[in-house]
Amino acid sequence: MPPKVKVTKEEIIAAALEILRQKGMEAVNARAVAAALGCSTQPIFSNYSSMGALQHDVLAAGYEIGRASCRER
């Protein structure tokens, strides 16, 4: 039986969103996200088949945050 995943997709997206906020989408890569989480890149690629898939989820989460912010105004 494989070990339980210790880093969730939600944690990965949150770390990637912070990198996006600080440095832009070009800085969102597996090594930067792993460094922000304090882990290797393995958990990222266990949750995502490619960086494109992660970037898609990060953009979707960012758009949702933006929409929620607009609704609050």
PDB file of N, CA and C in Angstrom:
ATOM      1  N   MET A   1       0.848  -1.172   0.000  1.00  0.00           N
ATOM      2  CA  MET A   1       0.000   0.000   0.000  1.00  0.00           C
ATOM      3  C   MET A   1       0.900   1.244   0.000  1.00  0.00           C
ATOM      4  N   PRO A   2       0.622   2.205  -0.905  1.00  0.00           N
ATOM      5  CA  PRO A   2       1.451   3.409  -0.950  1.00  0.00           C
ATOM      6  C   PRO A   2       1.232   4.268   0.293  1.00  0.00           C
ATOM      7  N   PRO A   3       2.247   5.070   0.649  1.00  0.00           N
ATOM      8  CA  PRO A   3       2.082   5.945   1.811  1.00  0.00           C
ATOM      9  C   PRO A   3       1.022   7.003   1.554  1.00  0.00           C
ATOM     10  N   LYS A   4       0.401   7.458   2.628  1.00  0.00           N
ATOM     11  CA  LYS A   4      -0.635   8.478   2.528  1.00  0.00           C
ATOM     12  C   LYS A   4      -0.026   9.799   2.056  1.00  0.00           C
ATOM     13  N   VAL A   5      -0.714  10.469   1.153  1.00  0.00           N
ATOM     14  CA  VAL A   5      -0.240  11.756   0.652  1.00  0.00           C
ATOM     15  C   VAL A   5      -0.305  12.771   1.781  1.00  0.00           C
ATOM     16  N   LYS A   6       0.818  13.433   2.029  1.00  0.00           N
ATOM     17  CA  LYS A   6       0.894  14.379   3.131  1.00  0.00           C
ATOM     18  C   LYS A   6       0.666  15.815   2.685  1.00  0.00           C
ATOM     19  N   VAL A   7       0.796  16.064   1.386  1.00  0.00           N
ATOM     20  CA  VAL A   7       0.574  17.395   0.837  1.00  0.00           C
ATOM     21  C   VAL A   7      -0.659  17.310  -0.065  1.00  0.00           C
ATOM     22  N   THR A   8      -1.662  18.104   0.248  1.00  0.00           N
ATOM     23  CA  THR A   8      -2.905  18.058  -0.512  1.00  0.00           C
ATOM     24  C   THR A   8      -2.874  19.019  -1.686  1.00  0.00           C
ATOM     25  N   LYS A   9      -3.795  18.803  -2.617  1.00  0.00           N
ATOM     26  CA  LYS A   9      -3.941  19.717  -3.753  1.00  0.00           C
ATOM     27  C   LYS A   9      -4.225  21.129  -3.264  1.00  0.00           C
ATOM     28  N   GLU A  10      -5.023  21.246  -2.234  1.00  0.00           N
ATOM     29  CA  GLU A  10      -5.370  22.570  -1.702  1.00  0.00           C
ATOM     30  C   GLU A  10      -4.128  23.293  -1.189  1.00  0.00           C
ATOM     31  N   GLU A  11      -3.237  22.562  -0.524  1.00  0.00           N
ATOM     32  CA  GLU A  11      -2.000  23.170  -0.028  1.00  0.00           C
ATOM     33  C   GLU A  11      -1.096  23.580  -1.188  1.00  0.00           C
ATOM     34  N   ILE A  12      -1.035  22.746  -2.204  1.00  0.00           N
ATOM     35  CA  ILE A  12      -0.228  23.051  -3.385  1.00  0.00           C
ATOM     36  C   ILE A  12      -0.762  24.302  -4.074  1.00  0.00           C
ATOM     37  N   ILE A  13      -2.072  24.368  -4.252  1.00  0.00           N
ATOM     38  CA  ILE A  13      -2.681  25.533  -4.906  1.00  0.00           C
ATOM     39  C   ILE A  13      -2.455  26.788  -4.081  1.00  0.00           C
ATOM     40  N   ALA A  14      -2.597  26.689  -2.771  1.00  0.00           N
ATOM     41  CA  ALA A  14      -2.385  27.855  -1.906  1.00  0.00           C
ATOM     42  C   ALA A  14      -0.949  28.363  -2.024  1.00  0.00           C
ATOM     43  N   ALA A  15       0.019  27.463  -2.030  1.00  0.00           N
ATOM     44  CA  ALA A  15       1.424  27.864  -2.166  1.00  0.00           C
ATOM     45  C   ALA A  15       1.665  28.487  -3.537  1.00  0.00           C
ATOM     46  N   ALA A  16       1.101  27.879  -4.564  1.00  0.00           N
ATOM     47  CA  ALA A  16       1.270  28.396  -5.919  1.00  0.00           C
ATOM     48  C   ALA A  16       0.601  29.765  -6.077  1.00  0.00           C
ATOM     49  N   LEU A  17      -0.554  29.948  -5.451  1.00  0.00           N
ATOM     50  CA  LEU A  17      -1.226  31.252  -5.498  1.00  0.00           C
ATOM     51  C   LEU A  17      -0.375  32.340  -4.845  1.00  0.00           C
ATOM     52  N   GLU A  18       0.277  32.008  -3.754  1.00  0.00           N
ATOM     53  CA  GLU A  18       1.143  32.989  -3.088  1.00  0.00           C
ATOM     54  C   GLU A  18       2.321  33.361  -3.988  1.00  0.00           C
ATOM     55  N   ILE A  19       2.898  32.374  -4.653  1.00  0.00           N
ATOM     56  CA  ILE A  19       3.984  32.650  -5.592  1.00  0.00           C
ATOM     57  C   ILE A  19       3.463  33.525  -6.733  1.00  0.00           C
ATOM     58  N   LEU A  20       2.272  33.196  -7.245  1.00  0.00           N
ATOM     59  CA  LEU A  20       1.654  33.987  -8.306  1.00  0.00           C
ATOM     60  C   LEU A  20       1.472  35.438  -7.863  1.00  0.00           C
ATOM     61  N   ARG A  21       0.975  35.649  -6.677  1.00  0.00           N
ATOM     62  CA  ARG A  21       0.763  37.011  -6.155  1.00  0.00           C
ATOM     63  C   ARG A  21       2.069  37.783  -6.050  1.00  0.00           C
ATOM     64  N   GLN A  22       3.116  37.111  -5.593  1.00  0.00           N
ATOM     65  CA  GLN A  22       4.382  37.793  -5.338  1.00  0.00           C
ATOM     66  C   GLN A  22       5.240  37.982  -6.587  1.00  0.00           C
ATOM     67  N   LYS A  23       5.241  36.971  -7.477  1.00  0.00           N
ATOM     68  CA  LYS A  23       6.227  36.980  -8.558  1.00  0.00           C
ATOM     69  C   LYS A  23       5.645  36.788  -9.956  1.00  0.00           C
ATOM     70  N   GLY A  24       4.363  36.473 -10.058  1.00  0.00           N
ATOM     71  CA  GLY A  24       3.760  36.246 -11.370  1.00  0.00           C
ATOM     72  C   GLY A  24       3.741  34.783 -11.770  1.00  0.00           C
ATOM     73  N   MET A  25       2.948  34.479 -12.787  1.00  0.00           N
ATOM     74  CA  MET A  25       2.745  33.088 -13.207  1.00  0.00           C
ATOM     75  C   MET A  25       4.030  32.429 -13.711  1.00  0.00           C
ATOM     76  N   GLU A  26       4.928  33.208 -14.310  1.00  0.00           N
ATOM     77  CA  GLU A  26       6.167  32.609 -14.824  1.00  0.00           C
ATOM     78  C   GLU A  26       7.023  32.024 -13.698  1.00  0.00           C
ATOM     79  N   ALA A  27       6.804  32.453 -12.459  1.00  0.00           N
ATOM     80  CA  ALA A  27       7.562  31.941 -11.322  1.00  0.00           C
ATOM     81  C   ALA A  27       6.930  30.696 -10.707  1.00  0.00           C
ATOM     82  N   VAL A  28       5.719  30.356 -11.133  1.00  0.00           N
ATOM     83  CA  VAL A  28       5.038  29.165 -10.592  1.00  0.00           C
ATOM     84  C   VAL A  28       5.600  27.941 -11.301  1.00  0.00           C
ATOM     85  N   ASN A  29       6.485  27.238 -10.606  1.00  0.00           N
ATOM     86  CA  ASN A  29       7.048  25.998 -11.135  1.00  0.00           C
ATOM     87  C   ASN A  29       7.159  24.997  -9.992  1.00  0.00           C
ATOM     88  N   ALA A  30       7.440  23.759 -10.328  1.00  0.00           N
ATOM     89  CA  ALA A  30       7.442  22.688  -9.328  1.00  0.00           C
ATOM     90  C   ALA A  30       8.445  22.955  -8.210  1.00  0.00           C
ATOM     91  N   ARG A  31       9.619  23.429  -8.550  1.00  0.00           N
ATOM     92  CA  ARG A  31      10.633  23.671  -7.518  1.00  0.00           C
ATOM     93  C   ARG A  31      10.231  24.802  -6.587  1.00  0.00           C
ATOM     94  N   ALA A  32       9.666  25.869  -7.137  1.00  0.00           N
ATOM     95  CA  ALA A  32       9.251  27.002  -6.299  1.00  0.00           C
ATOM     96  C   ALA A  32       8.113  26.606  -5.370  1.00  0.00           C
ATOM     97  N   VAL A  33       7.153  25.858  -5.888  1.00  0.00           N
ATOM     98  CA  VAL A  33       6.025  25.415  -5.063  1.00  0.00           C
ATOM     99  C   VAL A  33       6.518  24.460  -3.982  1.00  0.00           C
ATOM    100  N   ALA A  34       7.385  23.536  -4.358  1.00  0.00           N
ATOM    101  CA  ALA A  34       7.936  22.589  -3.384  1.00  0.00           C
ATOM    102  C   ALA A  34       8.707  23.331  -2.289  1.00  0.00           C
ATOM    103  N   ALA A  35       9.493  24.327  -2.670  1.00  0.00           N
ATOM    104  CA  ALA A  35      10.242  25.106  -1.677  1.00  0.00           C
ATOM    105  C   ALA A  35       9.290  25.825  -0.729  1.00  0.00           C
ATOM    106  N   ALA A  36       8.215  26.383  -1.263  1.00  0.00           N
ATOM    107  CA  ALA A  36       7.234  27.079  -0.425  1.00  0.00           C
ATOM    108  C   ALA A  36       6.560  26.120   0.556  1.00  0.00           C
ATOM    109  N   LEU A  37       6.403  24.874   0.146  1.00  0.00           N
ATOM    110  CA  LEU A  37       5.763  23.868   0.996  1.00  0.00           C
ATOM    111  C   LEU A  37       6.762  23.154   1.911  1.00  0.00           C
ATOM    112  N   GLY A  38       8.045  23.325   1.641  1.00  0.00           N
ATOM    113  CA  GLY A  38       9.065  22.637   2.425  1.00  0.00           C
ATOM    114  C   GLY A  38       9.123  21.151   2.130  1.00  0.00           C
ATOM    115  N   CYS A  39       8.964  20.795   0.852  1.00  0.00           N
ATOM    116  CA  CYS A  39       8.992  19.387   0.464  1.00  0.00           C
ATOM    117  C   CYS A  39       9.724  19.250  -0.868  1.00  0.00           C
ATOM    118  N   SER A  40       9.816  18.024  -1.345  1.00  0.00           N
ATOM    119  CA  SER A  40      10.389  17.790  -2.664  1.00  0.00           C
ATOM    120  C   SER A  40       9.315  18.036  -3.717  1.00  0.00           C
ATOM    121  N   THR A  41       9.674  17.899  -4.978  1.00  0.00           N
ATOM    122  CA  THR A  41       8.694  18.072  -6.056  1.00  0.00           C
ATOM    123  C   THR A  41       7.783  16.859  -6.196  1.00  0.00           C
ATOM    124  N   GLN A  42       8.128  15.759  -5.566  1.00  0.00           N
ATOM    125  CA  GLN A  42       7.354  14.516  -5.704  1.00  0.00           C
ATOM    126  C   GLN A  42       5.880  14.698  -5.364  1.00  0.00           C
ATOM    127  N   PRO A  43       5.512  15.359  -4.255  1.00  0.00           N
ATOM    128  CA  PRO A  43       4.086  15.512  -3.966  1.00  0.00           C
ATOM    129  C   PRO A  43       3.331  16.320  -5.029  1.00  0.00           C
ATOM    130  N   ILE A  44       4.018  17.253  -5.673  1.00  0.00           N
ATOM    131  CA  ILE A  44       3.355  18.041  -6.711  1.00  0.00           C
ATOM    132  C   ILE A  44       3.001  17.144  -7.884  1.00  0.00           C
ATOM    133  N   PHE A  45       3.975  16.332  -8.310  1.00  0.00           N
ATOM    134  CA  PHE A  45       3.717  15.461  -9.453  1.00  0.00           C
ATOM    135  C   PHE A  45       2.906  14.221  -9.087  1.00  0.00           C
ATOM    136  N   SER A  46       2.734  13.960  -7.797  1.00  0.00           N
ATOM    137  CA  SER A  46       1.797  12.906  -7.383  1.00  0.00           C
ATOM    138  C   SER A  46       0.357  13.401  -7.516  1.00  0.00           C
ATOM    139  N   ASN A  47       0.175  14.703  -7.343  1.00  0.00           N
ATOM    140  CA  ASN A  47      -1.156  15.294  -7.442  1.00  0.00           C
ATOM    141  C   ASN A  47      -1.480  15.809  -8.838  1.00  0.00           C
ATOM    142  N   TYR A  48      -0.468  16.165  -9.602  1.00  0.00           N
ATOM    143  CA  TYR A  48      -0.662  16.746 -10.934  1.00  0.00           C
ATOM    144  C   TYR A  48       0.191  16.017 -11.951  1.00  0.00           C
ATOM    145  N   SER A  49      -0.397  15.734 -13.102  1.00  0.00           N
ATOM    146  CA  SER A  49       0.335  15.034 -14.154  1.00  0.00           C
ATOM    147  C   SER A  49       1.292  15.952 -14.896  1.00  0.00           C
ATOM    148  N   SER A  50       1.068  17.264 -14.801  1.00  0.00           N
ATOM    149  CA  SER A  50       1.941  18.219 -15.478  1.00  0.00           C
ATOM    150  C   SER A  50       1.841  19.582 -14.798  1.00  0.00           C
ATOM    151  N   MET A  51       2.793  20.442 -15.089  1.00  0.00           N
ATOM    152  CA  MET A  51       2.730  21.805 -14.560  1.00  0.00           C
ATOM    153  C   MET A  51       1.571  22.557 -15.191  1.00  0.00           C
ATOM    154  N   GLY A  52       1.228  22.228 -16.410  1.00  0.00           N
ATOM    155  CA  GLY A  52       0.068  22.859 -17.050  1.00  0.00           C
ATOM    156  C   GLY A  52      -1.206  22.601 -16.272  1.00  0.00           C
ATOM    157  N   ALA A  53      -1.361  21.398 -15.760  1.00  0.00           N
ATOM    158  CA  ALA A  53      -2.552  21.065 -14.969  1.00  0.00           C
ATOM    159  C   ALA A  53      -2.572  21.860 -13.664  1.00  0.00           C
ATOM    160  N   LEU A  54      -1.413  21.991 -13.029  1.00  0.00           N
ATOM    161  CA  LEU A  54      -1.334  22.785 -11.808  1.00  0.00           C
ATOM    162  C   LEU A  54      -1.625  24.251 -12.117  1.00  0.00           C
ATOM    163  N   GLN A  55      -1.019  24.784 -13.160  1.00  0.00           N
ATOM    164  CA  GLN A  55      -1.244  26.179 -13.520  1.00  0.00           C
ATOM    165  C   GLN A  55      -2.708  26.436 -13.850  1.00  0.00           C
ATOM    166  N   HIS A  56      -3.361  25.479 -14.467  1.00  0.00           N
ATOM    167  CA  HIS A  56      -4.793  25.612 -14.755  1.00  0.00           C
ATOM    168  C   HIS A  56      -5.577  25.760 -13.457  1.00  0.00           C
ATOM    169  N   ASP A  57      -5.300  24.894 -12.478  1.00  0.00           N
ATOM    170  CA  ASP A  57      -6.001  24.965 -11.189  1.00  0.00           C
ATOM    171  C   ASP A  57      -5.682  26.259 -10.446  1.00  0.00           C
ATOM    172  N   VAL A  58      -4.443  26.720 -10.548  1.00  0.00           N
ATOM    173  CA  VAL A  58      -4.047  27.965  -9.884  1.00  0.00           C
ATOM    174  C   VAL A  58      -4.799  29.146 -10.495  1.00  0.00           C
ATOM    175  N   LEU A  59      -4.868  29.190 -11.820  1.00  0.00           N
ATOM    176  CA  LEU A  59      -5.610  30.273 -12.476  1.00  0.00           C
ATOM    177  C   LEU A  59      -7.093  30.216 -12.128  1.00  0.00           C
ATOM    178  N   ALA A  60      -7.660  29.021 -12.101  1.00  0.00           N
ATOM    179  CA  ALA A  60      -9.075  28.883 -11.744  1.00  0.00           C
ATOM    180  C   ALA A  60      -9.314  29.373 -10.315  1.00  0.00           C
ATOM    181  N   ALA A  61      -8.419  29.023  -9.402  1.00  0.00           N
ATOM    182  CA  ALA A  61      -8.550  29.475  -8.012  1.00  0.00           C
ATOM    183  C   ALA A  61      -8.394  30.990  -7.933  1.00  0.00           C
ATOM    184  N   GLY A  62      -7.461  31.541  -8.693  1.00  0.00           N
ATOM    185  CA  GLY A  62      -7.268  32.984  -8.706  1.00  0.00           C
ATOM    186  C   GLY A  62      -8.483  33.721  -9.234  1.00  0.00           C
ATOM    187  N   TYR A  63      -9.065  33.204 -10.302  1.00  0.00           N
ATOM    188  CA  TYR A  63     -10.282  33.821 -10.852  1.00  0.00           C
ATOM    189  C   TYR A  63     -11.422  33.761  -9.842  1.00  0.00           C
ATOM    190  N   GLU A  64     -11.531  32.644  -9.133  1.00  0.00           N
ATOM    191  CA  GLU A  64     -12.593  32.507  -8.135  1.00  0.00           C
ATOM    192  C   GLU A  64     -12.399  33.509  -6.996  1.00  0.00           C
ATOM    193  N   ILE A  65     -11.173  33.700  -6.577  1.00  0.00           N
ATOM    194  CA  ILE A  65     -10.882  34.698  -5.537  1.00  0.00           C
ATOM    195  C   ILE A  65     -11.277  36.086  -6.041  1.00  0.00           C
ATOM    196  N   GLY A  66     -10.959  36.381  -7.281  1.00  0.00           N
ATOM    197  CA  GLY A  66     -11.317  37.670  -7.866  1.00  0.00           C
ATOM    198  C   GLY A  66     -12.823  37.861  -7.951  1.00  0.00           C
ATOM    199  N   ARG A  67     -13.529  36.830  -8.368  1.00  0.00           N
ATOM    200  CA  ARG A  67     -14.993  36.904  -8.443  1.00  0.00           C
ATOM    201  C   ARG A  67     -15.614  37.128  -7.071  1.00  0.00           C
ATOM    202  N   ALA A  68     -15.099  36.405  -6.077  1.00  0.00           N
ATOM    203  CA  ALA A  68     -15.622  36.548  -4.716  1.00  0.00           C
ATOM    204  C   ALA A  68     -15.366  37.970  -4.199  1.00  0.00           C
ATOM    205  N   SER A  69     -14.221  38.499  -4.539  1.00  0.00           N
ATOM    206  CA  SER A  69     -13.892  39.859  -4.111  1.00  0.00           C
ATOM    207  C   SER A  69     -14.834  40.877  -4.752  1.00  0.00           C
ATOM    208  N   CYS A  70     -15.160  40.686  -6.014  1.00  0.00           N
ATOM    209  CA  CYS A  70     -16.085  41.596  -6.716  1.00  0.00           C
ATOM    210  C   CYS A  70     -17.494  41.502  -6.131  1.00  0.00           C
ATOM    211  N   ARG A  71     -17.906  40.302  -5.749  1.00  0.00           N
ATOM    212  CA  ARG A  71     -19.249  40.123  -5.174  1.00  0.00           C
ATOM    213  C   ARG A  71     -19.377  40.828  -3.838  1.00  0.00           C
ATOM    214  N   GLU A  72     -18.278  40.926  -3.087  1.00  0.00           N
ATOM    215  CA  GLU A  72     -18.297  41.543  -1.756  1.00  0.00           C
ATOM    216  C   GLU A  72     -18.442  43.070  -1.837  1.00  0.00           C
ATOM    217  N   ARG A  73     -18.121  43.648  -2.964  1.00  0.00           N
ATOM    218  CA  ARG A  73     -18.152  45.112  -3.074  1.00  0.00           C
ATOM    219  C   ARG A  73     -19.520  45.634  -3.309  1.00  0.00           C
TER     220      ARG A  73
END
